[in-house]
PDB file of N, CA and C in Angstrom:
ATOM      1  N   MET A   1      17.590  11.546   4.323  1.00  0.00           N
ATOM      2  CA  MET A   1      16.353  10.827   4.515  1.00  0.00           C
ATOM      3  C   MET A   1      16.580   9.755   5.573  1.00  0.00           C
ATOM      4  N   THR A   2      15.637   9.643   6.471  1.00  0.00           N
ATOM      5  CA  THR A   2      15.668   8.614   7.493  1.00  0.00           C
ATOM      6  C   THR A   2      14.829   7.432   7.024  1.00  0.00           C
ATOM      7  N   VAL A   3      15.352   6.245   7.182  1.00  0.00           N
ATOM      8  CA  VAL A   3      14.620   5.036   6.815  1.00  0.00           C
ATOM      9  C   VAL A   3      13.970   4.482   8.073  1.00  0.00           C
ATOM     10  N   THR A   4      12.688   4.185   7.993  1.00  0.00           N
ATOM     11  CA  THR A   4      11.937   3.678   9.137  1.00  0.00           C
ATOM     12  C   THR A   4      11.273   2.362   8.773  1.00  0.00           C
ATOM     13  N   THR A   5      11.259   1.446   9.699  1.00  0.00           N
ATOM     14  CA  THR A   5      10.578   0.173   9.505  1.00  0.00           C
ATOM     15  C   THR A   5       9.229   0.236  10.192  1.00  0.00           C
ATOM     16  N   ILE A   6       8.181  -0.112   9.460  1.00  0.00           N
ATOM     17  CA  ILE A   6       6.832  -0.128  10.006  1.00  0.00           C
ATOM     18  C   ILE A   6       6.304  -1.553   9.856  1.00  0.00           C
ATOM     19  N   PRO A   7       5.952  -2.211  10.951  1.00  0.00           N
ATOM     20  CA  PRO A   7       5.451  -3.575  10.833  1.00  0.00           C
ATOM     21  C   PRO A   7       4.045  -3.599  10.224  1.00  0.00           C
ATOM     22  N   ILE A   8       3.860  -4.460   9.227  1.00  0.00           N
ATOM     23  CA  ILE A   8       2.545  -4.666   8.606  1.00  0.00           C
ATOM     24  C   ILE A   8       2.362  -6.170   8.426  1.00  0.00           C
ATOM     25  N   SER A   9       1.121  -6.572   8.259  1.00  0.00           N
ATOM     26  CA  SER A   9       0.857  -7.998   8.090  1.00  0.00           C
ATOM     27  C   SER A   9       1.389  -8.477   6.738  1.00  0.00           C
ATOM     28  N   ARG A  10       1.652  -9.754   6.642  1.00  0.00           N
ATOM     29  CA  ARG A  10       2.112 -10.356   5.377  1.00  0.00           C
ATOM     30  C   ARG A  10       1.043 -10.161   4.306  1.00  0.00           C
ATOM     31  N   LYS A  11      -0.234 -10.318   4.694  1.00  0.00           N
ATOM     32  CA  LYS A  11      -1.330 -10.162   3.737  1.00  0.00           C
ATOM     33  C   LYS A  11      -1.323  -8.746   3.137  1.00  0.00           C
ATOM     34  N   PHE A  12      -1.163  -7.728   3.996  1.00  0.00           N
ATOM     35  CA  PHE A  12      -1.144  -6.355   3.501  1.00  0.00           C
ATOM     36  C   PHE A  12       0.100  -6.109   2.659  1.00  0.00           C
ATOM     37  N   HIS A  13       1.226  -6.654   3.077  1.00  0.00           N
ATOM     38  CA  HIS A  13       2.469  -6.509   2.323  1.00  0.00           C
ATOM     39  C   HIS A  13       2.301  -7.076   0.912  1.00  0.00           C
ATOM     40  N   ASP A  14       1.724  -8.277   0.834  1.00  0.00           N
ATOM     41  CA  ASP A  14       1.511  -8.905  -0.473  1.00  0.00           C
ATOM     42  C   ASP A  14       0.551  -8.085  -1.336  1.00  0.00           C
ATOM     43  N   TRP A  15      -0.506  -7.560  -0.712  1.00  0.00           N
ATOM     44  CA  TRP A  15      -1.473  -6.724  -1.436  1.00  0.00           C
ATOM     45  C   TRP A  15      -0.785  -5.455  -1.935  1.00  0.00           C
ATOM     46  N   LEU A  16       0.009  -4.829  -1.084  1.00  0.00           N
ATOM     47  CA  LEU A  16       0.709  -3.598  -1.445  1.00  0.00           C
ATOM     48  C   LEU A  16       1.655  -3.827  -2.618  1.00  0.00           C
ATOM     49  N   LYS A  17       2.329  -4.974  -2.634  1.00  0.00           N
ATOM     50  CA  LYS A  17       3.234  -5.301  -3.736  1.00  0.00           C
ATOM     51  C   LYS A  17       2.505  -5.341  -5.073  1.00  0.00           C
ATOM     52  N   THR A  18       1.246  -5.758  -5.071  1.00  0.00           N
ATOM     53  CA  THR A  18       0.491  -5.853  -6.324  1.00  0.00           C
ATOM     54  C   THR A  18       0.095  -4.479  -6.860  1.00  0.00           C
ATOM     55  N   LYS A  19       0.187  -3.452  -6.045  1.00  0.00           N
ATOM     56  CA  LYS A  19      -0.236  -2.106  -6.454  1.00  0.00           C
ATOM     57  C   LYS A  19       0.887  -1.303  -7.094  1.00  0.00           C
ATOM     58  N   GLY A  20       2.113  -1.761  -6.958  1.00  0.00           N
ATOM     59  CA  GLY A  20       3.241  -1.025  -7.516  1.00  0.00           C
ATOM     60  C   GLY A  20       3.683  -1.569  -8.858  1.00  0.00           C
ATOM     61  N   MET A  21       4.477  -0.762  -9.527  1.00  0.00           N
ATOM     62  CA  MET A  21       5.061  -1.167 -10.798  1.00  0.00           C
ATOM     63  C   MET A  21       6.542  -1.435 -10.556  1.00  0.00           C
ATOM     64  N   LYS A  22       7.158  -2.168 -11.464  1.00  0.00           N
ATOM     65  CA  LYS A  22       8.574  -2.506 -11.322  1.00  0.00           C
ATOM     66  C   LYS A  22       9.394  -1.228 -11.145  1.00  0.00           C
ATOM     67  N   GLY A  23      10.263  -1.228 -10.151  1.00  0.00           N
ATOM     68  CA  GLY A  23      11.124  -0.086  -9.887  1.00  0.00           C
ATOM     69  C   GLY A  23      10.510   0.965  -8.980  1.00  0.00           C
ATOM     70  N   GLU A  24       9.237   0.818  -8.646  1.00  0.00           N
ATOM     71  CA  GLU A  24       8.551   1.791  -7.796  1.00  0.00           C
ATOM     72  C   GLU A  24       8.787   1.413  -6.327  1.00  0.00           C
ATOM     73  N   SER A  25       9.095   2.401  -5.496  1.00  0.00           N
ATOM     74  CA  SER A  25       9.344   2.131  -4.080  1.00  0.00           C
ATOM     75  C   SER A  25       8.010   1.998  -3.340  1.00  0.00           C
ATOM     76  N   TYR A  26       8.075   1.383  -2.145  1.00  0.00           N
ATOM     77  CA  TYR A  26       6.875   1.281  -1.327  1.00  0.00           C
ATOM     78  C   TYR A  26       6.355   2.676  -0.982  1.00  0.00           C
ATOM     79  N   GLU A  27       7.241   3.606  -0.759  1.00  0.00           N
ATOM     80  CA  GLU A  27       6.828   4.981  -0.465  1.00  0.00           C
ATOM     81  C   GLU A  27       6.012   5.556  -1.620  1.00  0.00           C
ATOM     82  N   GLU A  28       6.459   5.336  -2.837  1.00  0.00           N
ATOM     83  CA  GLU A  28       5.726   5.829  -4.005  1.00  0.00           C
ATOM     84  C   GLU A  28       4.358   5.168  -4.125  1.00  0.00           C
ATOM     85  N   VAL A  29       4.312   3.872  -3.852  1.00  0.00           N
ATOM     86  CA  VAL A  29       3.041   3.141  -3.931  1.00  0.00           C
ATOM     87  C   VAL A  29       2.062   3.675  -2.891  1.00  0.00           C
ATOM     88  N   ILE A  30       2.541   3.868  -1.668  1.00  0.00           N
ATOM     89  CA  ILE A  30       1.673   4.372  -0.597  1.00  0.00           C
ATOM     90  C   ILE A  30       1.177   5.768  -0.915  1.00  0.00           C
ATOM     91  N   LYS A  31       2.045   6.632  -1.411  1.00  0.00           N
ATOM     92  CA  LYS A  31       1.620   7.988  -1.776  1.00  0.00           C
ATOM     93  C   LYS A  31       0.557   7.950  -2.865  1.00  0.00           C
ATOM     94  N   LYS A  32       0.725   7.037  -3.830  1.00  0.00           N
ATOM     95  CA  LYS A  32      -0.252   6.901  -4.909  1.00  0.00           C
ATOM     96  C   LYS A  32      -1.605   6.459  -4.342  1.00  0.00           C
ATOM     97  N   LEU A  33      -1.573   5.536  -3.391  1.00  0.00           N
ATOM     98  CA  LEU A  33      -2.806   5.024  -2.800  1.00  0.00           C
ATOM     99  C   LEU A  33      -3.499   6.049  -1.902  1.00  0.00           C
ATOM    100  N   LEU A  34      -2.774   7.030  -1.458  1.00  0.00           N
ATOM    101  CA  LEU A  34      -3.369   8.063  -0.607  1.00  0.00           C
ATOM    102  C   LEU A  34      -4.120   9.131  -1.403  1.00  0.00           C
ATOM    103  N   ARG A  35      -3.968   9.102  -2.706  1.00  0.00           N
ATOM    104  CA  ARG A  35      -4.690  10.066  -3.537  1.00  0.00           C
ATOM    105  C   ARG A  35      -6.186   9.773  -3.460  1.00  0.00           C
ATOM    106  N   PRO A  36      -7.018  10.796  -3.561  1.00  0.00           N
ATOM    107  CA  PRO A  36      -8.470  10.607  -3.451  1.00  0.00           C
ATOM    108  C   PRO A  36      -9.033   9.544  -4.393  1.00  0.00           C
ATOM    109  N   GLU A  37      -8.527   9.461  -5.607  1.00  0.00           N
ATOM    110  CA  GLU A  37      -9.070   8.499  -6.560  1.00  0.00           C
ATOM    111  C   GLU A  37      -8.756   7.052  -6.180  1.00  0.00           C
ATOM    112  N   ALA A  38      -7.817   6.833  -5.265  1.00  0.00           N
ATOM    113  CA  ALA A  38      -7.471   5.480  -4.841  1.00  0.00           C
ATOM    114  C   ALA A  38      -8.150   5.095  -3.530  1.00  0.00           C
ATOM    115  N   GLN A  39      -8.902   5.989  -2.936  1.00  0.00           N
ATOM    116  CA  GLN A  39      -9.522   5.715  -1.642  1.00  0.00           C
ATOM    117  C   GLN A  39     -10.466   4.521  -1.689  1.00  0.00           C
ATOM    118  N   GLN A  40     -11.202   4.357  -2.763  1.00  0.00           N
ATOM    119  CA  GLN A  40     -12.128   3.235  -2.869  1.00  0.00           C
ATOM    120  C   GLN A  40     -11.379   1.902  -2.819  1.00  0.00           C
ATOM    121  N   GLU A  41     -10.244   1.842  -3.487  1.00  0.00           N
ATOM    122  CA  GLU A  41      -9.447   0.619  -3.494  1.00  0.00           C
ATOM    123  C   GLU A  41      -8.971   0.272  -2.078  1.00  0.00           C
ATOM    124  N   LEU A  42      -8.543   1.276  -1.325  1.00  0.00           N
ATOM    125  CA  LEU A  42      -8.130   1.032   0.055  1.00  0.00           C
ATOM    126  C   LEU A  42      -9.305   0.589   0.910  1.00  0.00           C
ATOM    127  N   GLU A  43     -10.462   1.211   0.713  1.00  0.00           N
ATOM    128  CA  GLU A  43     -11.654   0.837   1.472  1.00  0.00           C
ATOM    129  C   GLU A  43     -12.065  -0.596   1.163  1.00  0.00           C
ATOM    130  N   GLU A  44     -11.931  -0.995  -0.093  1.00  0.00           N
ATOM    131  CA  GLU A  44     -12.257  -2.370  -0.458  1.00  0.00           C
ATOM    132  C   GLU A  44     -11.310  -3.348   0.224  1.00  0.00           C
ATOM    133  N   TYR A  45     -10.038  -3.008   0.297  1.00  0.00           N
ATOM    134  CA  TYR A  45      -9.082  -3.871   0.985  1.00  0.00           C
ATOM    135  C   TYR A  45      -9.455  -3.985   2.463  1.00  0.00           C
ATOM    136  N   GLN A  46      -9.782  -2.860   3.072  1.00  0.00           N
ATOM    137  CA  GLN A  46     -10.120  -2.872   4.499  1.00  0.00           C
ATOM    138  C   GLN A  46     -11.372  -3.707   4.742  1.00  0.00           C
ATOM    139  N   GLY A  47     -12.272  -3.730   3.803  1.00  0.00           N
ATOM    140  CA  GLY A  47     -13.487  -4.525   3.940  1.00  0.00           C
ATOM    141  C   GLY A  47     -13.234  -6.018   3.834  1.00  0.00           C
ATOM    142  N   THR A  48     -12.157  -6.397   3.153  1.00  0.00           N
ATOM    143  CA  THR A  48     -11.861  -7.824   2.975  1.00  0.00           C
ATOM    144  C   THR A  48     -10.863  -8.350   3.990  1.00  0.00           C
ATOM    145  N   SER A  49     -10.164  -7.466   4.686  1.00  0.00           N
ATOM    146  CA  SER A  49      -9.167  -7.931   5.656  1.00  0.00           C
ATOM    147  C   SER A  49      -9.824  -8.203   6.995  1.00  0.00           C
ATOM    148  N   SER A  50      -9.312  -9.178   7.689  1.00  0.00           N
ATOM    149  CA  SER A  50      -9.856  -9.503   9.016  1.00  0.00           C
ATOM    150  C   SER A  50      -8.743  -9.671  10.013  1.00  0.00           C
TER     151      SER A  50
END
């Protein structure tokens, strides 16, 4: 597996941290958020970010 760094804002990083459970990797959290049932949550975040 190759590890890649992707720059994201601190605000998004903090928001992303709230979506995971203890021991869950960022990759797992992102995959979970990409599921259709999580799309509304992502859209809500995009609506509040500036």
